[in-house]
C-alpha cells in the first residue's frame, strides 16, 4: 500500500502511483496533449503551454489494482478526444460524450501483455513479444459474437438490483448460461469481446448512479465494443450518448454481444425503469 486514498475513496497501492506518474509523464512530454483526466487525480491536469497539443486523454492508469496481490489480470484503460474549443484548455474540453471519441483502448497485463485499440475503424489486438520488445498484431478486426453464452457481474449485490437486472439474471440461469466474473474490468471486457456474452455493472440501491466511471472506464470500453459490432447501454440509453457533467461521473453499464445487450434494454422498457 502507498498509505493513501484516491479521489474515489479507494486505497492506493504503490503500483497505482507508479502507473499514474508514468501516464502523466509520458503524455505531458509527448507534445500531443493539452489536458489529462486520471482516475487518481481530483481535478484535470493541464499540460504546460509550450508542450500542448490538440488532444484530451482520459485514463484509468491501473484498473483492477485491488487484485494485484492475488496475481489476477489487471490493466490500463484510456480514451482520446480532440480539444473542443480554441480557448485555453479547461474542464469543459474533457466533458465530451463518447460519440466524439477519436480513439480508445486498453492494455491487459495477464498471461501475456496485450494492447487492444480502435481509432474508429474496427478493433485490433496487439500482443507484446518480449524477445523483440514490440507489440505484434495478433488479433486483427476483432468482432463480438451476435449472441453469447456467458454473463458477467458481481452477484453478491443481487439483493440490491432493480427488477430488470434481477429478471435478466434469472433468465440467464434458466438457460444455463455460464457465469464468469473476474472483478477486473479490463479482463472481464476482454473475455466478453473474445468469447461473446455480456458484462454488467448495474446500478444498485446503494449506488443508484452506478459504480464505474464514464470518462475513463465506460466510454472507452463502450467505444471498443461498438467498434467490434457489439452494444453498450446504461439500460436506458446508449453509453456513448451520455453527456458528462463531472470528470469522475459514474454510470451503470451493460456491454457485449448485441443480442444479449438488447435483451436487457427490452427488460428496462418492460419494467418502465
Protein backbone atom coordinates (compact mmCIF):
# COMPACT_ATOMS: atom_id res chain seq x y z
CA UNK A 1 0.00 0.00 0.00
CA UNK A 2 1.05 3.57 -0.65
CA UNK A 3 -0.79 4.53 2.54
CA UNK A 4 -3.13 6.90 0.72
CA UNK A 5 -6.71 7.13 -0.60
CA UNK A 6 -7.58 8.43 -4.09
CA UNK A 7 -10.41 10.75 -5.14
CA UNK A 8 -12.68 7.69 -5.49
CA UNK A 9 -12.17 6.80 -1.82
CA UNK A 10 -10.16 3.71 -2.79
CA UNK A 11 -6.93 2.59 -1.14
CA UNK A 12 -3.98 3.43 -3.37
CA UNK A 13 -1.27 0.85 -3.95
CA UNK A 14 2.32 1.74 -4.85
CA UNK A 15 1.80 0.36 -8.36
CA UNK A 16 -1.20 2.71 -8.79
CA UNK A 17 1.01 5.69 -8.03
CA UNK A 18 3.78 4.47 -10.34
CA UNK A 19 1.34 3.79 -13.21
CA UNK A 20 -0.31 7.19 -12.79
CA UNK A 21 3.03 9.01 -12.77
CA UNK A 22 4.15 7.12 -15.89
CA UNK A 23 0.96 8.01 -17.79
CA UNK A 24 1.20 11.68 -16.81
CA UNK A 25 4.92 12.00 -17.56
CA UNK A 26 4.69 10.28 -20.94
CA UNK A 27 1.59 12.19 -22.06
CA UNK A 28 2.72 15.63 -20.89
CA UNK A 29 6.06 15.21 -22.67
CA UNK A 30 4.53 13.95 -25.93
CA UNK A 31 3.64 17.43 -27.27
CA UNK A 32 0.28 15.98 -28.41
CA UNK A 33 -1.93 16.54 -25.36
CA UNK A 34 -3.32 19.63 -23.67
CA UNK A 35 -5.47 18.18 -20.88
CA UNK A 36 -5.41 14.92 -18.89
CA UNK A 37 -8.05 13.29 -16.71
CA UNK A 38 -6.90 10.50 -14.38
CA UNK A 39 -8.88 8.33 -12.01
CA UNK A 40 -6.25 9.13 -9.40
CA UNK A 41 -6.45 12.95 -9.62
CA UNK A 42 -9.28 15.08 -8.28
CA UNK A 43 -9.01 17.75 -10.98
CA UNK A 44 -7.91 17.87 -14.61
CA UNK A 45 -4.19 18.15 -15.37
CA UNK A 46 -3.33 20.97 -17.76
CA UNK A 47 -0.19 20.40 -19.83
CA UNK A 48 2.39 23.21 -19.84
CA UNK A 49 1.56 25.68 -22.60
CA UNK A 50 4.74 25.15 -24.63
CA UNK A 51 4.15 21.36 -24.57
CA UNK A 52 0.46 21.47 -25.55
CA UNK A 53 -1.10 19.59 -28.44
CA UNK A 54 -4.72 19.19 -29.51
CA UNK A 55 -5.81 16.06 -27.65
CA UNK A 56 -7.53 15.37 -24.32
CA UNK A 57 -6.71 12.00 -22.75
CA UNK A 58 -8.78 10.36 -20.01
CA UNK A 59 -7.32 7.26 -18.34
CA UNK A 60 -7.50 4.74 -15.56
CA UNK A 61 -3.78 4.04 -15.10
CA UNK A 62 -4.25 0.71 -13.34
CA UNK A 63 -7.70 -0.85 -13.44
CA UNK A 64 -8.37 -3.73 -11.05
CA UNK A 65 -5.42 -2.88 -8.81
CA UNK A 66 -7.17 -4.43 -5.81
CA UNK A 67 -6.30 -7.75 -7.49
CA UNK A 68 -2.55 -7.10 -7.59
CA UNK A 69 -1.70 -9.15 -4.50
CA UNK A 70 -3.57 -12.25 -5.75
CA UNK A 71 -1.97 -12.04 -9.23
CA UNK A 72 -5.26 -11.64 -11.14
CA UNK A 73 -5.06 -9.88 -14.52
CA UNK A 74 -5.15 -6.09 -14.33
CA UNK A 75 -4.90 -3.39 -16.99
CA UNK A 76 -4.92 0.23 -18.12
CA UNK A 77 -7.78 1.99 -19.95
CA UNK A 78 -7.68 5.21 -21.99
CA UNK A 79 -9.84 7.40 -24.21
CA UNK A 80 -8.71 10.20 -26.51
CA UNK A 81 -10.72 13.27 -27.58
CA UNK A 82 -9.88 16.31 -29.65
CA UNK A 83 -9.94 19.58 -27.75
CA UNK A 84 -13.41 21.01 -28.28
CA UNK A 85 -12.57 24.74 -28.23
CA UNK A 86 -9.88 27.18 -29.35
CA UNK A 87 -9.58 28.76 -25.92
CA UNK A 88 -7.30 27.86 -23.01
CA UNK A 89 -7.81 24.17 -22.06
CA UNK A 90 -10.41 23.72 -19.35
CA UNK A 91 -12.54 21.01 -17.78
CA UNK A 92 -15.25 21.60 -20.41
CA UNK A 93 -12.89 20.17 -23.03
CA UNK A 94 -12.93 16.87 -21.15
CA UNK A 95 -16.70 16.77 -20.66
CA UNK A 96 -17.47 15.36 -24.09
CA UNK A 97 -19.81 12.44 -24.85
CA UNK A 98 -18.21 9.23 -26.04
CA UNK A 99 -19.64 9.67 -29.53
CA UNK A 100 -16.91 12.27 -30.15
CA UNK A 101 -14.03 9.92 -29.28
CA UNK A 102 -11.03 9.86 -31.61
CA UNK A 103 -9.59 6.64 -30.20
CA UNK A 104 -9.75 4.35 -27.18
CA UNK A 105 -8.06 1.26 -25.93
CA UNK A 106 -6.79 -0.82 -23.06
CA UNK A 107 -3.71 -2.75 -22.08
CA UNK A 108 -4.17 -6.10 -20.37
CA UNK A 109 -1.43 -7.47 -18.11
CA UNK A 110 -2.10 -11.18 -17.70
CA UNK A 111 -0.65 -14.41 -19.05
CA UNK A 112 0.63 -12.12 -21.80
CA UNK A 113 0.64 -8.35 -22.27
CA UNK A 114 -1.86 -7.19 -24.86
CA UNK A 115 -2.95 -3.82 -26.26
CA UNK A 116 -6.43 -3.54 -27.77
CA UNK A 117 -7.17 -0.30 -29.61
CA UNK A 118 -9.60 1.37 -32.00
CA UNK A 119 -9.33 4.63 -33.92
CA UNK A 120 -12.92 4.38 -35.12
CA UNK A 121 -12.31 1.85 -37.88
CA UNK A 122 -12.61 -1.53 -36.16
CA UNK A 123 -10.71 -3.05 -33.24
CA UNK A 124 -7.25 -4.60 -33.34
CA UNK A 125 -5.29 -6.51 -30.72
CA UNK A 126 -1.50 -6.43 -30.37
CA UNK A 127 0.49 -8.88 -28.24
CA UNK A 128 3.81 -7.88 -26.70
CA UNK A 129 6.67 -10.05 -27.96
CA UNK A 130 9.34 -9.68 -25.23
CA UNK A 131 12.04 -11.16 -27.49
CA UNK A 132 11.91 -8.14 -29.81
CA UNK A 133 10.32 -5.60 -27.47
CA UNK A 134 7.48 -4.85 -29.88
CA UNK A 135 3.70 -5.20 -29.96
CA UNK A 136 2.73 -7.57 -32.79
CA UNK A 137 -0.69 -7.59 -34.47
CA UNK A 138 -2.21 -10.91 -33.39
CA UNK A 139 -5.96 -10.16 -33.37
CA UNK A 140 -6.92 -8.10 -36.44
CA UNK A 141 -10.50 -6.84 -36.81
CA UNK A 142 -11.81 -8.24 -33.52
CA UNK A 143 -15.54 -8.98 -33.54
CA UNK A 144 -18.02 -9.67 -30.75
CA UNK A 145 -20.40 -12.57 -31.34
CA UNK A 146 -24.02 -11.56 -32.00
CA UNK A 147 -25.13 -13.71 -29.04
CA UNK A 148 -23.02 -15.21 -26.30
CA UNK A 149 -23.35 -17.88 -23.61
CA UNK A 150 -21.66 -16.02 -20.76
CA UNK A 151 -22.93 -13.35 -18.37
CA UNK A 152 -20.62 -11.43 -16.06
CA UNK A 153 -21.46 -9.38 -12.98
CA UNK A 154 -20.96 -9.37 -9.22
CA UNK A 155 -23.85 -11.48 -7.94
CA UNK A 156 -23.01 -10.52 -4.37
CA UNK A 157 -25.18 -7.45 -4.94
CA UNK A 158 -28.22 -9.45 -6.11
CA UNK A 159 -30.47 -8.16 -3.33
CA UNK A 160 -29.69 -4.57 -4.41
CA UNK A 161 -30.54 -4.90 -8.13
CA UNK A 162 -33.55 -3.36 -9.85
CA UNK A 163 -36.27 -5.71 -11.23
CA UNK A 164 -34.91 -5.62 -14.80
CA UNK A 165 -31.46 -6.90 -13.81
CA UNK A 166 -32.95 -9.49 -11.44
CA UNK A 167 -35.20 -10.86 -14.17
CA UNK A 168 -32.37 -10.86 -16.70
CA UNK A 169 -30.09 -12.92 -14.47
CA UNK A 170 -32.92 -15.36 -13.66
CA UNK A 171 -33.47 -15.86 -17.39
CA UNK A 172 -29.75 -16.46 -17.98
CA UNK A 173 -29.65 -19.06 -15.21
CA UNK A 174 -32.75 -20.77 -16.65
CA UNK A 175 -30.92 -21.05 -19.98
CA UNK A 176 -27.88 -22.48 -18.14
CA UNK A 177 -25.65 -19.63 -19.31
CA UNK A 178 -22.13 -19.61 -17.90
CA UNK A 179 -21.29 -17.11 -15.15
CA UNK A 180 -17.81 -15.57 -15.23
CA UNK A 181 -16.67 -12.61 -13.12
CA UNK A 182 -13.04 -11.67 -12.56
CA UNK A 183 -13.54 -8.31 -10.85
CA UNK A 184 -11.07 -6.53 -13.13
CA UNK A 185 -12.94 -4.60 -15.84
CA UNK A 186 -10.21 -4.93 -18.47
CA UNK A 187 -10.08 -8.72 -18.05
CA UNK A 188 -13.87 -9.11 -17.98
CA UNK A 189 -14.40 -6.93 -21.06
CA UNK A 190 -11.55 -8.61 -22.95
CA UNK A 191 -13.14 -12.01 -22.36
CA UNK A 192 -16.50 -10.62 -23.48
CA UNK A 193 -15.03 -9.32 -26.75
CA UNK A 194 -13.20 -12.62 -27.39
CA UNK A 195 -15.93 -15.08 -26.37
CA UNK A 196 -19.16 -13.08 -26.55
CA UNK A 197 -21.81 -12.61 -23.88
CA UNK A 198 -22.47 -9.63 -21.63
CA UNK A 199 -20.58 -7.72 -18.94
CA UNK A 200 -22.74 -5.82 -16.45
CA UNK A 201 -22.11 -3.37 -13.67
CA UNK A 202 -25.64 -2.16 -12.90
CA UNK A 203 -26.86 0.49 -10.52
CA UNK A 204 -27.88 -0.75 -7.08
CA UNK A 205 -29.91 0.70 -4.23
CA UNK A 206 -26.58 1.54 -2.56
CA UNK A 207 -25.11 3.08 -5.75
CA UNK A 208 -28.13 4.37 -7.72
CA UNK A 209 -25.92 6.21 -10.23
CA UNK A 210 -23.75 3.15 -10.89
CA UNK A 211 -20.17 2.45 -9.88
CA UNK A 212 -17.93 2.61 -12.95
CA UNK A 213 -16.64 5.96 -14.19
CA UNK A 214 -17.92 7.32 -17.50
CA UNK A 215 -14.90 9.14 -18.96
CA UNK A 216 -12.12 6.62 -18.47
CA UNK A 217 -13.87 3.27 -17.96
CA UNK A 218 -17.31 3.16 -19.58
CA UNK A 219 -16.76 5.36 -22.64
CA UNK A 220 -13.55 3.69 -23.88
CA UNK A 221 -14.92 0.19 -23.33
CA UNK A 222 -18.27 1.08 -24.95
CA UNK A 223 -16.41 2.55 -27.94
CA UNK A 224 -14.34 -0.61 -28.38
CA UNK A 225 -17.31 -2.95 -28.03
CA UNK A 226 -19.39 -0.97 -30.54
CA UNK A 227 -16.46 -0.88 -32.97
CA UNK A 228 -16.32 -4.68 -32.63
CA UNK A 229 -20.01 -4.99 -33.52
CA UNK A 230 -21.48 -5.14 -30.02
CA UNK A 231 -23.64 -2.77 -27.96
CA UNK A 232 -23.21 -0.77 -24.75
CA UNK A 233 -26.04 0.76 -22.74
CA UNK A 234 -26.87 2.17 -19.34
CA UNK A 235 -30.11 0.21 -19.59
CA UNK A 236 -31.93 3.35 -20.64
CA UNK A 237 -29.65 4.92 -23.25
CA UNK A 238 -26.53 4.32 -25.33
CA UNK A 239 -23.42 4.81 -23.19
CA UNK A 240 -21.66 6.89 -25.87
CA UNK A 241 -24.56 9.38 -25.92
CA UNK A 242 -24.31 10.22 -22.20
CA UNK A 243 -23.20 13.85 -21.80
CA UNK A 244 -20.78 14.07 -18.85
CA UNK A 245 -21.33 16.65 -16.10
CA UNK A 246 -18.33 15.73 -13.96
CA UNK A 247 -14.94 14.21 -14.79
CA UNK A 248 -15.47 11.42 -12.25
CA UNK A 249 -19.14 10.81 -13.10
CA UNK A 250 -20.37 7.25 -12.60
CA UNK A 251 -22.97 5.36 -14.63
CA UNK A 252 -24.43 1.84 -14.82
CA UNK A 253 -23.23 -0.17 -17.82
CA UNK A 254 -24.17 -3.26 -19.81
CA UNK A 255 -21.95 -4.15 -22.77
CA UNK A 256 -21.14 -7.06 -25.05
CA UNK A 257 -22.92 -9.12 -27.69
CA UNK A 258 -25.64 -7.07 -29.40
CA UNK A 259 -28.31 -9.71 -28.83
CA UNK A 260 -27.56 -10.06 -25.13
CA UNK A 261 -27.48 -6.30 -24.54
CA UNK A 262 -30.74 -5.81 -26.43
CA UNK A 263 -32.40 -8.24 -24.01
CA UNK A 264 -31.54 -6.05 -21.01
CA UNK A 265 -32.67 -2.91 -22.90
CA UNK A 266 -36.03 -4.61 -23.56
CA UNK A 267 -36.38 -5.53 -19.87
CA UNK A 268 -35.76 -1.93 -18.80
CA UNK A 269 -38.58 -0.88 -21.14
CA UNK A 270 -40.82 -3.70 -19.85
CA UNK A 271 -40.35 -2.55 -16.24
CA UNK A 272 -40.67 1.17 -17.16
CA UNK A 273 -37.36 1.95 -15.49
